[in-house]
């Protein structure tokens, strides 16, 4: 019987948990605000990882996001060494941080749906 999860999926989940703890507890930069690690994509050979993050407490403009990502990518070496101390792996993946647009896109779509529903209910009220 096949395993339910692949090894890369299990390692990516553990890496996501460790990244969230390290960023929250050990990376002390007030320009970051609160960082949420929403997902990790890991290469099959476990050498490269892309961590998707969102920020709370900073402006959602492009410049602020770029600056926060730059800070995280500059701290990637420190974060990687901290992960090496926490996880017993032969190779610690090289980490790259990217902004997760799915949450902001989801809220935009929710607002559009709400707007359409409100307009639809207004049209129904006018007909009655």
Protein backbone atom coordinates (compact mmCIF):
# COMPACT_ATOMS: atom_id res chain seq x y z
CA UNK A 1 0.00 0.00 0.00
CA UNK A 2 1.36 3.40 -0.98
CA UNK A 3 2.08 6.06 1.60
CA UNK A 4 -0.45 8.78 1.98
CA UNK A 5 2.13 11.59 1.73
CA UNK A 6 5.38 11.88 -0.15
CA UNK A 7 8.55 12.57 1.78
CA UNK A 8 8.92 16.01 0.23
CA UNK A 9 5.43 16.93 1.46
CA UNK A 10 6.24 15.85 5.01
CA UNK A 11 9.55 17.70 5.02
CA UNK A 12 7.88 20.81 3.54
CA UNK A 13 5.26 20.81 6.31
CA UNK A 14 7.93 20.49 9.00
CA UNK A 15 9.99 23.20 7.31
CA UNK A 16 6.94 25.50 7.25
CA UNK A 17 6.41 25.04 11.00
CA UNK A 18 10.08 25.63 11.78
CA UNK A 19 10.26 28.71 9.53
CA UNK A 20 7.23 30.24 11.23
CA UNK A 21 8.75 29.72 14.68
CA UNK A 22 12.18 31.02 13.72
CA UNK A 23 10.84 34.12 11.99
CA UNK A 24 8.49 34.87 14.87
CA UNK A 25 10.96 34.27 17.70
CA UNK A 26 14.44 34.94 16.35
CA UNK A 27 14.25 37.43 13.47
CA UNK A 28 14.02 40.80 15.19
CA UNK A 29 13.30 43.46 12.59
CA UNK A 30 10.47 45.91 13.25
CA UNK A 31 10.08 46.62 9.52
CA UNK A 32 8.69 43.12 8.97
CA UNK A 33 5.58 43.32 11.11
CA UNK A 34 3.98 39.94 11.71
CA UNK A 35 5.02 37.34 9.15
CA UNK A 36 2.85 34.33 8.32
CA UNK A 37 4.36 31.41 6.42
CA UNK A 38 1.44 30.17 4.35
CA UNK A 39 3.21 27.42 2.46
CA UNK A 40 6.52 25.91 1.36
CA UNK A 41 7.36 24.36 -2.00
CA UNK A 42 10.30 22.02 -1.80
CA UNK A 43 12.26 20.59 -4.70
CA UNK A 44 12.33 16.82 -5.04
CA UNK A 45 16.03 16.67 -4.16
CA UNK A 46 15.39 18.81 -1.02
CA UNK A 47 18.04 21.36 -2.03
CA UNK A 48 15.74 24.33 -2.74
CA UNK A 49 12.70 25.66 -0.92
CA UNK A 50 10.36 28.52 -1.73
CA UNK A 51 8.53 29.87 1.30
CA UNK A 52 5.33 31.82 0.65
CA UNK A 53 4.72 34.54 3.23
CA UNK A 54 2.18 37.23 4.05
CA UNK A 55 2.66 40.27 6.23
CA UNK A 56 0.41 41.82 8.83
CA UNK A 57 1.25 45.24 10.20
CA UNK A 58 2.84 46.70 7.08
CA UNK A 59 1.26 48.48 4.17
CA UNK A 60 0.16 46.21 1.35
CA UNK A 61 1.81 48.43 -1.25
CA UNK A 62 4.41 46.99 -3.56
CA UNK A 63 7.34 48.92 -2.09
CA UNK A 64 6.70 47.74 1.49
CA UNK A 65 6.31 44.14 0.36
CA UNK A 66 9.54 44.29 -1.65
CA UNK A 67 11.40 45.73 1.34
CA UNK A 68 10.05 43.05 3.70
CA UNK A 69 10.94 40.28 1.23
CA UNK A 70 14.42 41.76 0.86
CA UNK A 71 14.85 41.68 4.66
CA UNK A 72 13.76 38.03 4.81
CA UNK A 73 15.96 37.00 1.89
CA UNK A 74 18.92 38.77 3.56
CA UNK A 75 18.23 36.78 6.74
CA UNK A 76 17.87 33.50 4.82
CA UNK A 77 21.38 32.33 5.79
CA UNK A 78 20.69 32.84 9.50
CA UNK A 79 17.28 31.16 9.15
CA UNK A 80 18.85 28.26 7.28
CA UNK A 81 21.47 27.71 9.99
CA UNK A 82 18.73 27.80 12.65
CA UNK A 83 16.78 25.18 10.72
CA UNK A 84 19.92 23.06 10.52
CA UNK A 85 20.10 23.03 14.32
CA UNK A 86 16.42 22.08 14.67
CA UNK A 87 15.95 19.49 11.89
CA UNK A 88 18.10 16.42 11.38
CA UNK A 89 18.61 16.50 7.63
CA UNK A 90 21.58 15.66 5.49
CA UNK A 91 21.02 18.78 3.38
CA UNK A 92 19.35 21.97 4.58
CA UNK A 93 17.49 23.56 1.66
CA UNK A 94 18.39 26.95 0.27
CA UNK A 95 15.41 29.15 1.13
CA UNK A 96 13.86 31.85 -1.04
CA UNK A 97 10.95 33.94 0.21
CA UNK A 98 8.04 35.07 -2.00
CA UNK A 99 4.88 37.01 -1.27
CA UNK A 100 1.71 34.92 -1.23
CA UNK A 101 -0.81 36.81 -3.33
CA UNK A 102 -3.58 34.26 -2.87
CA UNK A 103 -4.88 35.73 0.40
CA UNK A 104 -5.12 39.30 -0.92
CA UNK A 105 -6.60 38.00 -4.18
CA UNK A 106 -9.17 35.99 -2.21
CA UNK A 107 -10.27 39.06 -0.26
CA UNK A 108 -10.57 41.04 -3.53
CA UNK A 109 -12.78 38.33 -5.01
CA UNK A 110 -14.89 38.19 -1.84
CA UNK A 111 -15.42 41.96 -2.05
CA UNK A 112 -16.46 41.65 -5.71
CA UNK A 113 -18.93 38.87 -4.89
CA UNK A 114 -20.39 40.90 -2.03
CA UNK A 115 -20.73 43.94 -4.30
CA UNK A 116 -22.52 41.86 -6.96
CA UNK A 117 -24.87 40.34 -4.37
CA UNK A 118 -25.71 43.76 -2.94
CA UNK A 119 -26.43 45.12 -6.41
CA UNK A 120 -28.54 42.06 -7.19
CA UNK A 121 -30.58 42.46 -4.00
CA UNK A 122 -31.10 46.18 -4.79
CA UNK A 123 -32.44 45.25 -8.22
CA UNK A 124 -34.82 42.70 -6.68
CA UNK A 125 -36.08 45.25 -4.14
CA UNK A 126 -36.77 47.80 -6.90
CA UNK A 127 -38.84 45.28 -8.88
CA UNK A 128 -41.10 44.52 -5.88
